[in-house]
């Protein structure tokens, strides 16, 4: 298979779909961390959010079967 997903003739890269999923998950985790007060322990929240996004994106890419992209 190719690295694209066909949606009514519009080809969307798998990495874009995984990035959107990772962004949604990281926003949810960030919200939960902020509500619980654990952001007080984080030195640089923006850098922490970026690192969380990269870790989630790498994990989703690793868990996706290689035949799908």
PDB file of N, CA and C in Angstrom:
ATOM      1  N   UNK A   1       0.826  -1.186   0.000  1.00  0.00           N
ATOM      2  CA  UNK A   1       0.000   0.000   0.000  1.00  0.00           C
ATOM      3  C   UNK A   1       0.865   1.242   0.000  1.00  0.00           C
ATOM      4  N   UNK A   2       0.256   2.334  -0.372  1.00  0.00           N
ATOM      5  CA  UNK A   2       0.983   3.600  -0.412  1.00  0.00           C
ATOM      6  C   UNK A   2       0.859   4.302   0.936  1.00  0.00           C
ATOM      7  N   UNK A   3       1.488   5.434   1.043  1.00  0.00           N
ATOM      8  CA  UNK A   3       1.468   6.193   2.277  1.00  0.00           C
ATOM      9  C   UNK A   3       0.315   7.174   2.360  1.00  0.00           C
ATOM     10  N   UNK A   4      -0.737   6.930   1.595  1.00  0.00           N
ATOM     11  CA  UNK A   4      -1.874   7.839   1.589  1.00  0.00           C
ATOM     12  C   UNK A   4      -3.174   7.099   1.889  1.00  0.00           C
ATOM     13  N   UNK A   5      -4.134   7.860   2.353  1.00  0.00           N
ATOM     14  CA  UNK A   5      -5.479   7.368   2.615  1.00  0.00           C
ATOM     15  C   UNK A   5      -6.409   8.103   1.658  1.00  0.00           C
ATOM     16  N   UNK A   6      -7.194   7.363   0.912  1.00  0.00           N
ATOM     17  CA  UNK A   6      -8.103   7.982  -0.053  1.00  0.00           C
ATOM     18  C   UNK A   6      -9.440   8.268   0.618  1.00  0.00           C
ATOM     19  N   UNK A   7      -9.828   9.525   0.611  1.00  0.00           N
ATOM     20  CA  UNK A   7     -11.109   9.953   1.169  1.00  0.00           C
ATOM     21  C   UNK A   7     -11.878  10.670   0.066  1.00  0.00           C
ATOM     22  N   UNK A   8     -12.774   9.940  -0.587  1.00  0.00           N
ATOM     23  CA  UNK A   8     -13.561  10.442  -1.718  1.00  0.00           C
ATOM     24  C   UNK A   8     -12.667  11.053  -2.796  1.00  0.00           C
ATOM     25  N   UNK A   9     -11.569  10.384  -3.113  1.00  0.00           N
ATOM     26  CA  UNK A   9     -10.680  10.849  -4.159  1.00  0.00           C
ATOM     27  C   UNK A   9      -9.626  11.838  -3.693  1.00  0.00           C
ATOM     28  N   UNK A  10      -9.686  12.251  -2.449  1.00  0.00           N
ATOM     29  CA  UNK A  10      -8.691  13.161  -1.882  1.00  0.00           C
ATOM     30  C   UNK A  10      -7.685  12.323  -1.113  1.00  0.00           C
ATOM     31  N   UNK A  11      -6.431  12.393  -1.520  1.00  0.00           N
ATOM     32  CA  UNK A  11      -5.393  11.595  -0.878  1.00  0.00           C
ATOM     33  C   UNK A  11      -4.794  12.351   0.301  1.00  0.00           C
ATOM     34  N   UNK A  12      -4.900  11.737   1.470  1.00  0.00           N
ATOM     35  CA  UNK A  12      -4.417  12.339   2.718  1.00  0.00           C
ATOM     36  C   UNK A  12      -3.285  11.470   3.241  1.00  0.00           C
ATOM     37  N   UNK A  13      -2.125  12.060   3.540  1.00  0.00           N
ATOM     38  CA  UNK A  13      -1.015  11.257   4.061  1.00  0.00           C
ATOM     39  C   UNK A  13      -1.348  10.679   5.442  1.00  0.00           C
ATOM     40  N   UNK A  14      -0.861   9.448   5.678  1.00  0.00           N
ATOM     41  CA  UNK A  14      -1.100   8.801   6.963  1.00  0.00           C
ATOM     42  C   UNK A  14      -0.496   9.606   8.106  1.00  0.00           C
ATOM     43  N   UNK A  15       0.645  10.230   7.862  1.00  0.00           N
ATOM     44  CA  UNK A  15       1.303  10.986   8.913  1.00  0.00           C
ATOM     45  C   UNK A  15       0.441  12.162   9.364  1.00  0.00           C
ATOM     46  N   UNK A  16      -0.305  12.765   8.455  1.00  0.00           N
ATOM     47  CA  UNK A  16      -1.210  13.850   8.834  1.00  0.00           C
ATOM     48  C   UNK A  16      -2.319  13.329   9.746  1.00  0.00           C
ATOM     49  N   UNK A  17      -2.883  12.181   9.405  1.00  0.00           N
ATOM     50  CA  UNK A  17      -3.935  11.601  10.242  1.00  0.00           C
ATOM     51  C   UNK A  17      -3.402  11.217  11.621  1.00  0.00           C
ATOM     52  N   UNK A  18      -2.202  10.639  11.646  1.00  0.00           N
ATOM     53  CA  UNK A  18      -1.598  10.277  12.931  1.00  0.00           C
ATOM     54  C   UNK A  18      -1.251  11.517  13.738  1.00  0.00           C
ATOM     55  N   UNK A  19      -0.837  12.589  13.065  1.00  0.00           N
ATOM     56  CA  UNK A  19      -0.518  13.835  13.759  1.00  0.00           C
ATOM     57  C   UNK A  19      -1.764  14.442  14.397  1.00  0.00           C
ATOM     58  N   UNK A  20      -2.870  14.398  13.698  1.00  0.00           N
ATOM     59  CA  UNK A  20      -4.112  14.925  14.259  1.00  0.00           C
ATOM     60  C   UNK A  20      -4.576  14.109  15.465  1.00  0.00           C
ATOM     61  N   UNK A  21      -4.416  12.794  15.370  1.00  0.00           N
ATOM     62  CA  UNK A  21      -4.775  11.934  16.493  1.00  0.00           C
ATOM     63  C   UNK A  21      -3.853  12.177  17.685  1.00  0.00           C
ATOM     64  N   UNK A  22      -2.563  12.320  17.423  1.00  0.00           N
ATOM     65  CA  UNK A  22      -1.606  12.593  18.496  1.00  0.00           C
ATOM     66  C   UNK A  22      -1.859  13.964  19.108  1.00  0.00           C
ATOM     67  N   UNK A  23      -2.243  14.945  18.298  1.00  0.00           N
ATOM     68  CA  UNK A  23      -2.544  16.279  18.817  1.00  0.00           C
ATOM     69  C   UNK A  23      -3.763  16.249  19.731  1.00  0.00           C
ATOM     70  N   UNK A  24      -4.793  15.517  19.327  1.00  0.00           N
ATOM     71  CA  UNK A  24      -5.989  15.405  20.161  1.00  0.00           C
ATOM     72  C   UNK A  24      -5.670  14.711  21.487  1.00  0.00           C
ATOM     73  N   UNK A  25      -4.875  13.656  21.433  1.00  0.00           N
ATOM     74  CA  UNK A  25      -4.495  12.939  22.659  1.00  0.00           C
ATOM     75  C   UNK A  25      -3.624  13.807  23.560  1.00  0.00           C
ATOM     76  N   UNK A  26      -2.690  14.546  22.972  1.00  0.00           N
ATOM     77  CA  UNK A  26      -1.821  15.382  23.793  1.00  0.00           C
ATOM     78  C   UNK A  26      -2.592  16.539  24.418  1.00  0.00           C
ATOM     79  N   UNK A  27      -3.556  17.083  23.705  1.00  0.00           N
ATOM     80  CA  UNK A  27      -4.390  18.145  24.292  1.00  0.00           C
ATOM     81  C   UNK A  27      -5.217  17.609  25.463  1.00  0.00           C
ATOM     82  N   UNK A  28      -5.729  16.411  25.320  1.00  0.00           N
ATOM     83  CA  UNK A  28      -6.504  15.800  26.394  1.00  0.00           C
ATOM     84  C   UNK A  28      -5.623  15.540  27.619  1.00  0.00           C
ATOM     85  N   UNK A  29      -4.438  14.989  27.395  1.00  0.00           N
ATOM     86  CA  UNK A  29      -3.518  14.733  28.511  1.00  0.00           C
ATOM     87  C   UNK A  29      -3.078  16.046  29.146  1.00  0.00           C
ATOM     88  N   UNK A  30      -2.819  17.057  28.334  1.00  0.00           N
ATOM     89  CA  UNK A  30      -2.424  18.365  28.850  1.00  0.00           C
ATOM     90  C   UNK A  30      -3.534  18.975  29.702  1.00  0.00           C
ATOM     91  N   UNK A  31      -4.757  18.838  29.241  1.00  0.00           N
ATOM     92  CA  UNK A  31      -5.895  19.345  30.011  1.00  0.00           C
ATOM     93  C   UNK A  31      -6.018  18.621  31.357  1.00  0.00           C
ATOM     94  N   UNK A  32      -5.854  17.306  31.331  1.00  0.00           N
ATOM     95  CA  UNK A  32      -5.951  16.535  32.576  1.00  0.00           C
ATOM     96  C   UNK A  32      -4.814  16.880  33.539  1.00  0.00           C
ATOM     97  N   UNK A  33      -3.619  17.098  33.012  1.00  0.00           N
ATOM     98  CA  UNK A  33      -2.496  17.490  33.860  1.00  0.00           C
ATOM     99  C   UNK A  33      -2.705  18.878  34.456  1.00  0.00           C
ATOM    100  N   UNK A  34      -3.269  19.785  33.678  1.00  0.00           N
ATOM    101  CA  UNK A  34      -3.539  21.135  34.179  1.00  0.00           C
ATOM    102  C   UNK A  34      -4.621  21.111  35.257  1.00  0.00           C
ATOM    103  N   UNK A  35      -5.647  20.310  35.046  1.00  0.00           N
ATOM    104  CA  UNK A  35      -6.732  20.222  36.038  1.00  0.00           C
ATOM    105  C   UNK A  35      -6.272  19.582  37.337  1.00  0.00           C
ATOM    106  N   UNK A  36      -5.328  18.647  37.247  1.00  0.00           N
ATOM    107  CA  UNK A  36      -4.855  17.976  38.458  1.00  0.00           C
ATOM    108  C   UNK A  36      -3.771  18.784  39.179  1.00  0.00           C
ATOM    109  N   UNK A  37      -3.256  19.826  38.536  1.00  0.00           N
ATOM    110  CA  UNK A  37      -2.259  20.662  39.177  1.00  0.00           C
ATOM    111  C   UNK A  37      -0.830  20.182  39.002  1.00  0.00           C
ATOM    112  N   UNK A  38      -0.612  19.205  38.150  1.00  0.00           N
ATOM    113  CA  UNK A  38       0.739  18.681  37.948  1.00  0.00           C
ATOM    114  C   UNK A  38       1.600  19.583  37.068  1.00  0.00           C
ATOM    115  N   UNK A  39       1.008  20.579  36.421  1.00  0.00           N
ATOM    116  CA  UNK A  39       1.799  21.506  35.617  1.00  0.00           C
ATOM    117  C   UNK A  39       2.676  22.407  36.481  1.00  0.00           C
ATOM    118  N   UNK A  40       2.397  22.467  37.766  1.00  0.00           N
ATOM    119  CA  UNK A  40       3.260  23.247  38.661  1.00  0.00           C
ATOM    120  C   UNK A  40       4.646  22.633  38.766  1.00  0.00           C
ATOM    121  N   UNK A  41       4.764  21.343  38.489  1.00  0.00           N
ATOM    122  CA  UNK A  41       6.043  20.647  38.564  1.00  0.00           C
ATOM    123  C   UNK A  41       6.822  20.708  37.247  1.00  0.00           C
ATOM    124  N   UNK A  42       6.201  21.223  36.205  1.00  0.00           N
ATOM    125  CA  UNK A  42       6.829  21.272  34.885  1.00  0.00           C
ATOM    126  C   UNK A  42       7.561  22.601  34.739  1.00  0.00           C
ATOM    127  N   UNK A  43       8.826  22.512  34.295  1.00  0.00           N
ATOM    128  CA  UNK A  43       9.648  23.712  34.185  1.00  0.00           C
ATOM    129  C   UNK A  43       9.190  24.602  33.026  1.00  0.00           C
ATOM    130  N   UNK A  44       8.945  24.008  31.856  1.00  0.00           N
ATOM    131  CA  UNK A  44       8.575  24.767  30.668  1.00  0.00           C
ATOM    132  C   UNK A  44       7.364  24.073  30.025  1.00  0.00           C
ATOM    133  N   UNK A  45       6.155  24.544  30.304  1.00  0.00           N
ATOM    134  CA  UNK A  45       4.950  23.846  29.830  1.00  0.00           C
ATOM    135  C   UNK A  45       4.861  23.694  28.303  1.00  0.00           C
ATOM    136  N   UNK A  46       5.273  24.695  27.552  1.00  0.00           N
ATOM    137  CA  UNK A  46       5.198  24.589  26.089  1.00  0.00           C
ATOM    138  C   UNK A  46       6.152  23.517  25.569  1.00  0.00           C
ATOM    139  N   UNK A  47       7.337  23.467  26.119  1.00  0.00           N
ATOM    140  CA  UNK A  47       8.294  22.442  25.723  1.00  0.00           C
ATOM    141  C   UNK A  47       7.805  21.057  26.137  1.00  0.00           C
ATOM    142  N   UNK A  48       7.189  20.975  27.303  1.00  0.00           N
ATOM    143  CA  UNK A  48       6.617  19.711  27.766  1.00  0.00           C
ATOM    144  C   UNK A  48       5.501  19.251  26.838  1.00  0.00           C
ATOM    145  N   UNK A  49       4.634  20.175  26.415  1.00  0.00           N
ATOM    146  CA  UNK A  49       3.546  19.823  25.498  1.00  0.00           C
ATOM    147  C   UNK A  49       4.082  19.341  24.153  1.00  0.00           C
ATOM    148  N   UNK A  50       5.128  19.997  23.651  1.00  0.00           N
ATOM    149  CA  UNK A  50       5.722  19.582  22.381  1.00  0.00           C
ATOM    150  C   UNK A  50       6.340  18.191  22.497  1.00  0.00           C
ATOM    151  N   UNK A  51       7.047  17.949  23.599  1.00  0.00           N
ATOM    152  CA  UNK A  51       7.655  16.637  23.805  1.00  0.00           C
ATOM    153  C   UNK A  51       6.586  15.557  23.948  1.00  0.00           C
ATOM    154  N   UNK A  52       5.494  15.878  24.618  1.00  0.00           N
ATOM    155  CA  UNK A  52       4.398  14.931  24.760  1.00  0.00           C
ATOM    156  C   UNK A  52       3.794  14.592  23.400  1.00  0.00           C
ATOM    157  N   UNK A  53       3.631  15.599  22.548  1.00  0.00           N
ATOM    158  CA  UNK A  53       3.112  15.377  21.196  1.00  0.00           C
ATOM    159  C   UNK A  53       4.047  14.473  20.395  1.00  0.00           C
ATOM    160  N   UNK A  54       5.347  14.734  20.454  1.00  0.00           N
ATOM    161  CA  UNK A  54       6.312  13.938  19.696  1.00  0.00           C
ATOM    162  C   UNK A  54       6.326  12.494  20.194  1.00  0.00           C
ATOM    163  N   UNK A  55       6.255  12.302  21.506  1.00  0.00           N
ATOM    164  CA  UNK A  55       6.237  10.948  22.064  1.00  0.00           C
ATOM    165  C   UNK A  55       4.976  10.200  21.629  1.00  0.00           C
ATOM    166  N   UNK A  56       3.835  10.871  21.670  1.00  0.00           N
ATOM    167  CA  UNK A  56       2.590  10.226  21.241  1.00  0.00           C
ATOM    168  C   UNK A  56       2.601   9.924  19.752  1.00  0.00           C
ATOM    169  N   UNK A  57       3.128  10.841  18.946  1.00  0.00           N
ATOM    170  CA  UNK A  57       3.197  10.602  17.503  1.00  0.00           C
ATOM    171  C   UNK A  57       4.121   9.426  17.196  1.00  0.00           C
ATOM    172  N   UNK A  58       5.244   9.352  17.866  1.00  0.00           N
ATOM    173  CA  UNK A  58       6.149   8.224  17.671  1.00  0.00           C
ATOM    174  C   UNK A  58       5.520   6.916  18.113  1.00  0.00           C
ATOM    175  N   UNK A  59       4.804   6.945  19.227  1.00  0.00           N
ATOM    176  CA  UNK A  59       4.139   5.734  19.704  1.00  0.00           C
ATOM    177  C   UNK A  59       3.042   5.268  18.760  1.00  0.00           C
ATOM    178  N   UNK A  60       2.254   6.205  18.240  1.00  0.00           N
ATOM    179  CA  UNK A  60       1.202   5.830  17.292  1.00  0.00           C
ATOM    180  C   UNK A  60       1.786   5.295  15.994  1.00  0.00           C
ATOM    181  N   UNK A  61       2.872   5.896  15.544  1.00  0.00           N
ATOM    182  CA  UNK A  61       3.526   5.421  14.325  1.00  0.00           C
ATOM    183  C   UNK A  61       4.104   4.024  14.525  1.00  0.00           C
ATOM    184  N   UNK A  62       4.650   3.789  15.701  1.00  0.00           N
ATOM    185  CA  UNK A  62       5.222   2.482  15.998  1.00  0.00           C
ATOM    186  C   UNK A  62       4.146   1.407  16.118  1.00  0.00           C
ATOM    187  N   UNK A  63       2.997   1.752  16.695  1.00  0.00           N
ATOM    188  CA  UNK A  63       1.935   0.775  16.914  1.00  0.00           C
ATOM    189  C   UNK A  63       1.119   0.469  15.669  1.00  0.00           C
ATOM    190  N   UNK A  64       1.123   1.375  14.696  1.00  0.00           N
ATOM    191  CA  UNK A  64       0.359   1.155  13.474  1.00  0.00           C
ATOM    192  C   UNK A  64       1.033   0.063  12.661  1.00  0.00           C
ATOM    193  N   UNK A  65       0.276  -0.898  12.160  1.00  0.00           N
ATOM    194  CA  UNK A  65       0.895  -1.931  11.319  1.00  0.00           C
ATOM    195  C   UNK A  65       1.570  -1.313  10.094  1.00  0.00           C
ATOM    196  N   UNK A  66       2.724  -1.833   9.744  1.00  0.00           N
ATOM    197  CA  UNK A  66       3.506  -1.242   8.644  1.00  0.00           C
ATOM    198  C   UNK A  66       2.855  -1.420   7.290  1.00  0.00           C
ATOM    199  N   UNK A  67       1.896  -2.304   7.157  1.00  0.00           N
ATOM    200  CA  UNK A  67       1.221  -2.475   5.886  1.00  0.00           C
ATOM    201  C   UNK A  67       0.245  -1.334   5.611  1.00  0.00           C
ATOM    202  N   UNK A  68      -0.130  -0.586   6.655  1.00  0.00           N
ATOM    203  CA  UNK A  68      -1.152   0.453   6.469  1.00  0.00           C
ATOM    204  C   UNK A  68      -0.599   1.737   5.883  1.00  0.00           C
ATOM    205  N   UNK A  69       0.704   1.933   5.936  1.00  0.00           N
ATOM    206  CA  UNK A  69       1.235   3.183   5.385  1.00  0.00           C
ATOM    207  C   UNK A  69       2.423   2.953   4.545  1.00  0.00           C
TER     208      UNK A  69
END
